[in-house]
Amino acid sequence: MKKHKHTQPGRRKESEHEELIRLRSEIEFFKAQNEFFKTENAVIKKEIALREQKATARLKAKKQPSSRNSEPKDID
């Protein structure tokens, strides 16, 4: 059975400490990048929804008769 060395945080090798700092930095970077992508995704979804609303409104407007055609004509 192998014995594991248990080192206390204050007794880490310098390379382990540097790696820990680098990894924490990477985690912060990826968290920020993730937030950016979430925000970008939300903006894209809103843009798609707005385009769909505009398309629906255009189709609805085409189906409705224009105001000139809907006025009753006087036949005398």
C-alpha atoms as a PDB file:
ATOM      1  CA  MET A   1       0.000   0.000   0.000  1.00  0.00           C
ATOM      2  CA  LYS A   2       1.325   3.414  -0.977  1.00  0.00           C
ATOM      3  CA  LYS A   3       1.680   6.130   1.599  1.00  0.00           C
ATOM      4  CA  HIS A   4       0.495   9.582   0.592  1.00  0.00           C
ATOM      5  CA  LYS A   5       2.332  12.641   1.731  1.00  0.00           C
ATOM      6  CA  HIS A   6      -0.017  15.125   3.257  1.00  0.00           C
ATOM      7  CA  THR A   7       1.304  18.624   2.839  1.00  0.00           C
ATOM      8  CA  GLN A   8      -0.238  21.567   4.521  1.00  0.00           C
ATOM      9  CA  PRO A   9      -1.239  24.574   2.352  1.00  0.00           C
ATOM     10  CA  GLY A  10       1.652  26.654   3.672  1.00  0.00           C
ATOM     11  CA  ARG A  11       4.195  23.996   2.757  1.00  0.00           C
ATOM     12  CA  ARG A  12       3.318  23.526  -0.921  1.00  0.00           C
ATOM     13  CA  LYS A  13       6.048  23.604  -3.492  1.00  0.00           C
ATOM     14  CA  GLU A  14       6.272  26.887  -5.362  1.00  0.00           C
ATOM     15  CA  SER A  15       5.259  25.188  -8.628  1.00  0.00           C
ATOM     16  CA  GLU A  16       2.084  23.844  -7.007  1.00  0.00           C
ATOM     17  CA  HIS A  17       1.310  27.298  -5.657  1.00  0.00           C
ATOM     18  CA  GLU A  18       1.850  28.856  -9.084  1.00  0.00           C
ATOM     19  CA  GLU A  19      -0.347  26.196 -10.662  1.00  0.00           C
ATOM     20  CA  LEU A  20      -3.066  26.906  -8.117  1.00  0.00           C
ATOM     21  CA  ILE A  21      -2.917  30.637  -8.923  1.00  0.00           C
ATOM     22  CA  ARG A  22      -3.015  29.900 -12.675  1.00  0.00           C
ATOM     23  CA  LEU A  23      -5.968  27.531 -12.308  1.00  0.00           C
ATOM     24  CA  ARG A  24      -7.901  30.021 -10.190  1.00  0.00           C
ATOM     25  CA  SER A  25      -7.218  32.657 -12.808  1.00  0.00           C
ATOM     26  CA  GLU A  26      -8.471  30.324 -15.540  1.00  0.00           C
ATOM     27  CA  ILE A  27     -11.611  29.598 -13.549  1.00  0.00           C
ATOM     28  CA  GLU A  28     -12.340  33.324 -13.252  1.00  0.00           C
ATOM     29  CA  PHE A  29     -11.709  33.770 -16.978  1.00  0.00           C
ATOM     30  CA  PHE A  30     -14.087  30.930 -17.877  1.00  0.00           C
ATOM     31  CA  LYS A  31     -16.736  32.247 -15.485  1.00  0.00           C
ATOM     32  CA  ALA A  32     -16.551  35.665 -17.155  1.00  0.00           C
ATOM     33  CA  GLN A  33     -16.619  34.070 -20.606  1.00  0.00           C
ATOM     34  CA  ASN A  34     -19.641  31.985 -19.604  1.00  0.00           C
ATOM     35  CA  GLU A  35     -21.501  35.098 -18.438  1.00  0.00           C
ATOM     36  CA  PHE A  36     -20.659  36.816 -21.720  1.00  0.00           C
ATOM     37  CA  PHE A  37     -22.033  33.869 -23.713  1.00  0.00           C
ATOM     38  CA  LYS A  38     -25.186  33.758 -21.585  1.00  0.00           C
ATOM     39  CA  THR A  39     -25.756  37.464 -22.221  1.00  0.00           C
ATOM     40  CA  GLU A  40     -25.032  37.081 -25.932  1.00  0.00           C
ATOM     41  CA  ASN A  41     -27.446  34.150 -26.126  1.00  0.00           C
ATOM     42  CA  ALA A  42     -30.184  36.190 -24.437  1.00  0.00           C
ATOM     43  CA  VAL A  43     -29.668  39.053 -26.907  1.00  0.00           C
ATOM     44  CA  ILE A  44     -29.858  36.668 -29.863  1.00  0.00           C
ATOM     45  CA  LYS A  45     -33.055  35.117 -28.516  1.00  0.00           C
ATOM     46  CA  LYS A  46     -34.616  38.581 -28.133  1.00  0.00           C
ATOM     47  CA  GLU A  47     -33.576  39.498 -31.667  1.00  0.00           C
ATOM     48  CA  ILE A  48     -35.159  36.315 -33.031  1.00  0.00           C
ATOM     49  CA  ALA A  49     -38.365  37.012 -31.088  1.00  0.00           C
ATOM     50  CA  LEU A  50     -38.523  40.573 -32.448  1.00  0.00           C
ATOM     51  CA  ARG A  51     -38.018  39.358 -36.016  1.00  0.00           C
ATOM     52  CA  GLU A  52     -40.793  36.811 -35.542  1.00  0.00           C
ATOM     53  CA  GLN A  53     -43.100  39.506 -34.160  1.00  0.00           C
ATOM     54  CA  LYS A  54     -42.377  41.759 -37.154  1.00  0.00           C
ATOM     55  CA  ALA A  55     -43.009  38.914 -39.596  1.00  0.00           C
ATOM     56  CA  THR A  56     -46.277  38.052 -37.850  1.00  0.00           C
ATOM     57  CA  ALA A  57     -47.360  41.702 -37.916  1.00  0.00           C
ATOM     58  CA  ARG A  58     -46.572  41.948 -41.655  1.00  0.00           C
ATOM     59  CA  LEU A  59     -48.601  38.826 -42.407  1.00  0.00           C
ATOM     60  CA  LYS A  60     -51.472  40.095 -40.300  1.00  0.00           C
ATOM     61  CA  ALA A  61     -51.369  43.477 -42.075  1.00  0.00           C
ATOM     62  CA  LYS A  62     -51.465  41.762 -45.483  1.00  0.00           C
ATOM     63  CA  LYS A  63     -54.525  39.739 -44.520  1.00  0.00           C
ATOM     64  CA  GLN A  64     -56.489  42.809 -43.404  1.00  0.00           C
ATOM     65  CA  PRO A  65     -58.119  44.836 -46.178  1.00  0.00           C
ATOM     66  CA  SER A  66     -56.688  48.287 -46.671  1.00  0.00           C
ATOM     67  CA  SER A  67     -58.684  51.268 -45.403  1.00  0.00           C
ATOM     68  CA  ARG A  68     -59.473  52.402 -48.976  1.00  0.00           C
ATOM     69  CA  ASN A  69     -61.096  49.102 -49.831  1.00  0.00           C
ATOM     70  CA  SER A  70     -63.005  48.768 -46.587  1.00  0.00           C
ATOM     71  CA  GLU A  71     -64.951  52.049 -46.869  1.00  0.00           C
ATOM     72  CA  PRO A  72     -68.532  51.560 -48.059  1.00  0.00           C
ATOM     73  CA  LYS A  73     -69.171  53.179 -51.447  1.00  0.00           C
ATOM     74  CA  ASP A  74     -72.261  55.301 -52.120  1.00  0.00           C
ATOM     75  CA  ILE A  75     -74.195  53.975 -55.017  1.00  0.00           C
ATOM     76  CA  ASP A  76     -76.702  56.579 -56.293  1.00  0.00           C
END
